[in-house]
Amino acid sequence: MQALPRRAFLGLCAGGAALASCATSAPRARRSPVIDAHMHVWSGDRERFPFAHPYTPGFQPPKAPGTIEALLPEMDAFGIDACVLVQVIYHGWDNRYVAHALKAHPDRFRVQGLIDPTGPDVAQKLETWVRDHGLSGMRFSPLYYEGRDEWLNAPATRPLWEKAEELGAVFNFFIAAPQLPRLEDRVRSFPGVPVVIDHLARIDLKAAHPLPEFRKLLALAKYPNVWAKLSELSVLSPSGKYPYADTHAWVRRLYDAFGPDRLLWGTGFPADTRREAGRPGLTEELALVRAEIPFFTAEDREKILGRNAARLWKFRF
């Protein structure tokens, strides 16, 4: 290849005086961040961080370790820049372990805690965890409260949402499709609270006619503060066979409704706990977005795999 004459090069740099600036200010290619927006971890130190599962007395965790010490090497090996730690139900409402992880690695983690939505002083508890411990927000699990989920849009929980709006807290929901209209009522009233729907609202794609339930999820797309996670396709897939092609048409509906800017990627469990639970490994989880779902553009993939999460949870790269 013929070298560019010096005169031409200087002209491109707008004169010799700007040569140094031209040489040093050319934009460098930066890899788009990869952020797992749904990661559960739990402590191996039961004395310091005891298990306190609120729904299953005598609960025993998976055999494989789910600690941050198990997670971080896997993140590094697969190029995962950061994770949003979602408090696992194993520790109940005690968010100290994920708060400990955040304090130890503030550049790698953000945290969604758990608080009992039916308990007293729930707005004050939100403020304590956010202000004093640095949590980004809370996860609520109406799915565990089917038949007694009136708290979703009850007057008693309005102060919780008001406090979230004041704090800039993120709420994510492990929710069933029939409960989504109650959530929509609250979303409509609080446009300043970012809301993330986990796992496609666990809609039963094995049902004869899933579309009516799926439309309840799609109805939330008209609210710009609502986001959706592309997660647990292995659980939702009728066949259960990677790459879960029988879910892709449903993902397309979600994509068409929410657009690529409000979709998030998450995997759920760290390291060997994936295999113990029969879940796909990180190689498959990453390839699912990067290669297997056919209608994503290259820019879509970057957004879904990390840029959207960086924006929502205020990561800095």
Protein backbone atom coordinates (compact mmCIF):
# COMPACT_ATOMS: atom_id res chain seq x y z
CA MET A 1 0.00 0.00 0.00
CA GLN A 2 1.44 3.40 -1.02
CA ALA A 3 2.16 5.78 1.89
CA LEU A 4 0.13 8.96 2.04
CA PRO A 5 2.33 11.93 1.05
CA ARG A 6 3.23 14.16 3.95
CA ARG A 7 1.58 17.21 2.35
CA ALA A 8 -1.69 15.34 1.91
CA PHE A 9 -1.53 14.06 5.48
CA LEU A 10 -0.94 17.53 6.82
CA GLY A 11 -3.90 18.78 4.79
CA LEU A 12 -6.14 16.12 6.32
CA CYS A 13 -5.07 17.30 9.73
CA ALA A 14 -5.99 20.91 8.87
CA GLY A 15 -2.39 22.10 8.82
CA GLY A 16 0.92 21.11 10.37
CA ALA A 17 0.14 22.79 13.68
CA ALA A 18 -2.70 20.32 14.23
CA LEU A 19 -0.61 17.23 13.43
CA ALA A 20 -0.17 16.11 17.02
CA SER A 21 -3.84 16.63 17.75
CA CYS A 22 -4.86 14.66 14.67
CA ALA A 23 -2.55 11.82 15.60
CA THR A 24 -3.83 11.54 19.14
CA SER A 25 -7.51 12.41 18.86
CA ALA A 26 -8.59 9.77 16.35
CA PRO A 27 -11.38 7.76 17.97
CA ARG A 28 -10.35 4.41 19.37
CA ALA A 29 -12.53 1.39 18.91
CA ARG A 30 -14.13 0.47 22.25
CA ARG A 31 -15.75 -2.85 22.95
CA SER A 32 -19.35 -2.45 23.93
CA PRO A 33 -19.85 -3.53 27.58
CA VAL A 34 -21.37 -6.90 28.38
CA ILE A 35 -23.59 -6.80 31.46
CA ASP A 36 -25.57 -9.68 32.90
CA ALA A 37 -28.70 -7.91 34.18
CA HIS A 38 -29.96 -10.83 36.27
CA MET A 39 -27.51 -12.65 38.51
CA HIS A 40 -28.24 -14.43 41.78
CA VAL A 41 -25.47 -15.01 44.31
CA TRP A 42 -25.54 -16.35 47.85
CA SER A 43 -23.08 -16.63 50.66
CA GLY A 44 -21.07 -19.66 51.68
CA ASP A 45 -20.80 -18.30 55.23
CA ARG A 46 -24.05 -19.30 56.89
CA GLU A 47 -23.11 -17.81 60.25
CA ARG A 48 -22.43 -14.34 58.89
CA PHE A 49 -25.12 -14.45 56.20
CA PRO A 50 -27.72 -17.06 57.20
CA PHE A 51 -30.35 -18.41 54.86
CA ALA A 52 -33.79 -17.08 55.65
CA HIS A 53 -36.06 -18.29 52.86
CA PRO A 54 -39.47 -16.72 53.67
CA TYR A 55 -41.54 -19.33 51.83
CA THR A 56 -39.64 -22.62 52.34
CA PRO A 57 -38.70 -23.51 55.93
CA GLY A 58 -35.56 -25.65 56.12
CA PHE A 59 -34.50 -24.60 52.64
CA GLN A 60 -31.22 -26.06 51.35
CA PRO A 61 -29.30 -24.24 48.60
CA PRO A 62 -27.75 -25.82 45.50
CA LYS A 63 -24.65 -27.89 46.18
CA ALA A 64 -22.42 -25.84 43.88
CA PRO A 65 -21.20 -22.54 45.34
CA GLY A 66 -23.00 -19.39 44.28
CA THR A 67 -20.61 -16.90 45.83
CA ILE A 68 -19.10 -13.81 44.25
CA GLU A 69 -15.75 -15.64 44.45
CA ALA A 70 -17.23 -18.27 42.11
CA LEU A 71 -18.85 -15.67 39.88
CA LEU A 72 -15.97 -13.24 39.26
CA PRO A 73 -13.56 -15.68 37.52
CA GLU A 74 -16.38 -16.80 35.22
CA MET A 75 -17.17 -13.17 34.39
CA ASP A 76 -13.54 -12.55 33.51
CA ALA A 77 -13.24 -15.72 31.45
CA PHE A 78 -16.26 -14.84 29.31
CA GLY A 79 -15.76 -11.10 29.03
CA ILE A 80 -18.66 -10.14 31.29
CA ASP A 81 -17.85 -6.64 32.46
CA ALA A 82 -20.50 -6.34 35.15
CA CYS A 83 -23.56 -7.94 36.68
CA VAL A 84 -26.74 -6.71 38.28
CA LEU A 85 -27.00 -8.81 41.42
CA VAL A 86 -30.62 -9.66 42.17
CA GLN A 87 -31.05 -10.71 45.77
CA VAL A 88 -31.83 -14.41 45.85
CA ILE A 89 -34.82 -15.53 47.87
CA TYR A 90 -32.52 -17.88 49.85
CA HIS A 91 -31.45 -14.97 52.08
CA GLY A 92 -34.97 -13.57 52.29
CA TRP A 93 -35.18 -9.87 53.12
CA ASP A 94 -31.62 -9.73 54.43
CA ASN A 95 -29.67 -8.00 51.65
CA ARG A 96 -26.37 -7.79 53.51
CA TYR A 97 -24.50 -10.28 51.32
CA VAL A 98 -25.24 -8.51 48.04
CA ALA A 99 -24.51 -5.19 49.75
CA HIS A 100 -21.17 -6.69 50.82
CA ALA A 101 -20.49 -7.72 47.19
CA LEU A 102 -21.31 -4.22 45.97
CA LYS A 103 -18.99 -2.60 48.49
CA ALA A 104 -16.16 -4.95 47.54
CA HIS A 105 -16.61 -4.51 43.76
CA PRO A 106 -18.49 -1.27 43.05
CA ASP A 107 -17.30 -1.16 39.45
CA ARG A 108 -18.53 -4.69 38.67
CA PHE A 109 -21.89 -4.83 40.41
CA ARG A 110 -25.20 -3.09 40.91
CA VAL A 111 -27.76 -4.55 43.32
CA GLN A 112 -31.51 -5.13 43.35
CA GLY A 113 -32.51 -6.15 46.86
CA LEU A 114 -35.61 -7.76 48.35
CA ILE A 115 -38.04 -6.31 50.86
CA ASP A 116 -41.36 -7.77 51.95
CA PRO A 117 -44.00 -5.73 50.10
CA THR A 118 -46.59 -6.64 52.72
CA GLY A 119 -44.42 -5.73 55.70
CA PRO A 120 -44.45 -2.54 57.77
CA ASP A 121 -42.43 0.55 56.88
CA VAL A 122 -41.59 -0.78 53.44
CA ALA A 123 -40.84 2.69 52.03
CA GLN A 124 -38.43 3.38 54.88
CA LYS A 125 -36.70 0.03 54.29
CA LEU A 126 -36.25 0.92 50.64
CA GLU A 127 -34.66 4.22 51.62
CA THR A 128 -32.31 2.54 54.12
CA TRP A 129 -31.02 -0.02 51.62
CA VAL A 130 -30.60 2.57 48.86
CA ARG A 131 -29.14 5.46 50.85
CA ASP A 132 -27.10 3.56 53.43
CA HIS A 133 -25.98 0.53 51.42
CA GLY A 134 -25.92 1.76 47.83
CA LEU A 135 -28.53 -0.58 46.38
CA SER A 136 -30.07 0.48 43.07
CA GLY A 137 -33.56 -0.68 43.88
CA MET A 138 -35.69 -3.68 44.74
CA ARG A 139 -37.16 -6.80 43.22
CA PHE A 140 -40.70 -7.84 44.05
CA SER A 141 -42.17 -11.26 43.38
CA PRO A 142 -45.96 -11.11 42.99
CA LEU A 143 -45.74 -14.56 41.44
CA TYR A 144 -45.34 -15.93 44.97
CA TYR A 145 -48.47 -14.05 46.08
CA GLU A 146 -51.04 -15.20 43.53
CA GLY A 147 -54.49 -14.76 45.06
CA ARG A 148 -53.17 -12.24 47.58
CA ASP A 149 -51.41 -9.73 45.36
CA GLU A 150 -53.62 -6.73 46.06
CA TRP A 151 -50.54 -4.92 47.42
CA LEU A 152 -49.39 -4.42 43.83
CA ASN A 153 -51.60 -1.36 43.42
CA ALA A 154 -53.06 -0.92 46.89
CA PRO A 155 -53.11 2.56 48.50
CA ALA A 156 -50.87 1.21 51.27
CA THR A 157 -47.95 0.78 48.83
CA ARG A 158 -48.17 4.22 47.23
CA PRO A 159 -45.56 5.61 49.67
CA LEU A 160 -43.17 2.87 48.47
CA TRP A 161 -43.49 4.09 44.88
CA GLU A 162 -43.29 7.71 45.92
CA LYS A 163 -40.06 6.96 47.76
CA ALA A 164 -38.69 5.08 44.72
CA GLU A 165 -39.42 8.08 42.53
CA GLU A 166 -37.65 10.35 45.02
CA LEU A 167 -34.60 8.06 45.23
CA GLY A 168 -34.38 7.18 41.54
CA ALA A 169 -34.71 3.51 42.46
CA VAL A 170 -35.31 0.72 39.94
CA PHE A 171 -38.01 -1.88 40.57
CA ASN A 172 -37.99 -5.27 38.93
CA PHE A 173 -40.82 -7.76 39.05
CA PHE A 174 -40.99 -11.54 39.06
CA ILE A 175 -44.61 -11.57 38.05
CA ALA A 176 -47.26 -13.72 36.40
CA ALA A 177 -49.16 -12.46 33.36
CA PRO A 178 -52.57 -12.25 35.11
CA GLN A 179 -51.01 -9.85 37.63
CA LEU A 180 -49.69 -7.43 35.00
CA PRO A 181 -52.83 -5.24 34.82
CA ARG A 182 -52.44 -4.44 38.54
CA LEU A 183 -48.83 -3.49 37.92
CA GLU A 184 -49.82 -1.42 34.90
CA ASP A 185 -52.12 0.62 37.11
CA ARG A 186 -49.18 1.53 39.33
CA VAL A 187 -46.78 2.09 36.41
CA ARG A 188 -49.25 4.54 34.90
CA SER A 189 -49.26 6.55 38.13
CA PHE A 190 -45.48 6.60 38.59
CA PRO A 191 -43.75 7.25 35.25
CA GLY A 192 -40.57 8.25 37.07
CA VAL A 193 -39.91 4.75 38.44
CA PRO A 194 -38.04 2.43 36.04
CA VAL A 195 -39.73 -0.98 36.05
CA VAL A 196 -38.16 -4.19 34.73
CA ILE A 197 -40.21 -7.31 33.97
CA ASP A 198 -38.33 -10.55 34.58
CA HIS A 199 -38.44 -13.69 32.45
CA LEU A 200 -41.22 -12.61 30.03
CA ALA A 201 -43.63 -12.70 33.00
CA ARG A 202 -43.26 -16.50 32.99
CA ILE A 203 -45.98 -16.76 30.35
CA ASP A 204 -46.82 -20.40 29.66
CA LEU A 205 -45.67 -20.83 26.06
CA LYS A 206 -46.69 -24.49 26.28
CA ALA A 207 -50.36 -23.46 26.54
CA ALA A 208 -52.64 -23.91 23.55
CA HIS A 209 -53.14 -20.14 23.17
CA PRO A 210 -50.48 -18.03 24.95
CA LEU A 211 -51.20 -14.85 22.98
CA PRO A 212 -53.91 -13.38 25.25
CA GLU A 213 -51.55 -13.59 28.23
CA PHE A 214 -48.63 -12.31 26.17
CA ARG A 215 -50.64 -9.24 25.16
CA LYS A 216 -50.77 -8.23 28.83
CA LEU A 217 -46.99 -8.01 28.76
CA LEU A 218 -46.92 -6.20 25.42
CA ALA A 219 -49.41 -3.65 26.81
CA LEU A 220 -46.68 -2.36 29.13
CA ALA A 221 -44.47 -1.40 26.19
CA LYS A 222 -46.35 1.87 25.74
CA TYR A 223 -44.87 3.12 29.03
CA PRO A 224 -41.32 4.35 28.40
CA ASN A 225 -40.27 3.53 31.97
CA VAL A 226 -40.90 -0.22 31.50
CA TRP A 227 -38.13 -2.59 30.41
CA ALA A 228 -38.16 -6.34 29.75
CA LYS A 229 -35.55 -9.05 30.28
CA LEU A 230 -34.72 -11.66 27.70
CA SER A 231 -34.07 -14.32 30.28
CA GLU A 232 -34.94 -17.92 31.11
CA LEU A 233 -35.82 -18.87 27.55
CA SER A 234 -34.60 -22.33 28.55
CA VAL A 235 -37.41 -22.48 31.13
CA LEU A 236 -40.07 -20.99 28.85
CA SER A 237 -39.26 -23.06 25.76
CA PRO A 238 -41.82 -25.83 25.10
CA SER A 239 -39.07 -28.09 23.75
CA GLY A 240 -36.36 -27.04 26.19
CA LYS A 241 -33.84 -27.55 23.40
CA TYR A 242 -31.17 -24.95 22.70
CA PRO A 243 -31.35 -22.46 20.96
CA TYR A 244 -35.04 -22.48 22.01
CA ALA A 245 -36.22 -21.67 18.49
CA ASP A 246 -39.82 -22.20 19.60
CA THR A 247 -39.53 -19.00 21.70
CA HIS A 248 -38.07 -16.79 18.98
CA ALA A 249 -41.42 -15.71 17.51
CA TRP A 250 -42.46 -14.57 21.00
CA VAL A 251 -39.17 -12.74 21.44
CA ARG A 252 -39.89 -11.05 18.12
CA ARG A 253 -43.25 -9.80 19.46
CA LEU A 254 -41.48 -8.46 22.52
CA TYR A 255 -38.80 -6.82 20.37
CA ASP A 256 -41.36 -5.21 18.07
CA ALA A 257 -43.26 -3.78 21.06
CA PHE A 258 -40.43 -2.61 23.32
CA GLY A 259 -37.77 -1.97 20.69
CA PRO A 260 -34.07 -2.82 21.14
CA ASP A 261 -33.46 0.01 23.64
CA ARG A 262 -35.51 -1.48 26.49
CA LEU A 263 -34.51 -5.13 26.33
CA LEU A 264 -32.01 -6.59 28.79
CA TRP A 265 -29.99 -9.82 28.85
CA GLY A 266 -29.67 -11.92 31.99
CA THR A 267 -28.72 -15.48 32.86
CA GLY A 268 -29.65 -16.03 36.52
CA PHE A 269 -27.03 -18.23 38.17
CA PRO A 270 -23.23 -18.34 38.42
CA ALA A 271 -20.63 -20.89 37.42
CA ASP A 272 -21.33 -24.54 38.31
CA THR A 273 -24.82 -23.81 39.62
CA ARG A 274 -25.91 -23.43 35.97
CA ARG A 275 -25.03 -27.04 35.25
CA GLU A 276 -26.52 -28.28 38.51
CA ALA A 277 -29.82 -26.61 37.60
CA GLY A 278 -29.74 -27.89 34.01
CA ARG A 279 -29.36 -24.38 32.60
CA PRO A 280 -27.27 -23.39 29.58
CA GLY A 281 -23.71 -22.22 30.14
CA LEU A 282 -22.42 -18.77 29.34
CA THR A 283 -21.16 -19.86 25.92
CA GLU A 284 -24.74 -20.71 24.94
CA GLU A 285 -26.29 -17.74 26.71
CA LEU A 286 -24.05 -15.29 24.88
CA ALA A 287 -24.43 -17.03 21.52
CA LEU A 288 -28.20 -16.94 21.90
CA VAL A 289 -28.16 -13.15 21.51
CA ARG A 290 -25.06 -12.84 19.35
CA ALA A 291 -25.98 -15.47 16.76
CA GLU A 292 -29.04 -17.60 17.35
CA ILE A 293 -31.90 -15.09 17.48
CA PRO A 294 -31.89 -14.16 13.83
CA PHE A 295 -33.56 -10.74 13.66
CA PHE A 296 -31.25 -8.80 16.00
CA THR A 297 -28.94 -6.37 14.24
CA ALA A 298 -25.33 -5.94 15.36
CA GLU A 299 -26.32 -2.75 17.18
CA ASP A 300 -29.29 -4.50 18.81
CA ARG A 301 -26.97 -7.15 20.21
CA GLU A 302 -24.68 -4.57 21.76
CA LYS A 303 -27.62 -2.80 23.36
CA ILE A 304 -29.26 -5.96 24.69
CA LEU A 305 -26.03 -7.50 25.96
CA GLY A 306 -24.91 -4.45 27.89
CA ARG A 307 -25.44 -0.93 26.68
CA ASN A 308 -29.06 -0.82 27.85
CA ALA A 309 -28.16 -2.13 31.31
CA ALA A 310 -25.28 0.35 31.58
CA ARG A 311 -27.72 3.16 30.93
CA LEU A 312 -30.42 1.93 33.29
CA TRP A 313 -28.16 1.06 36.22
CA LYS A 314 -25.63 3.85 35.59
CA PHE A 315 -22.52 1.76 35.05
CA ARG A 316 -19.50 3.72 33.83
CA PHE A 317 -17.12 2.21 31.30
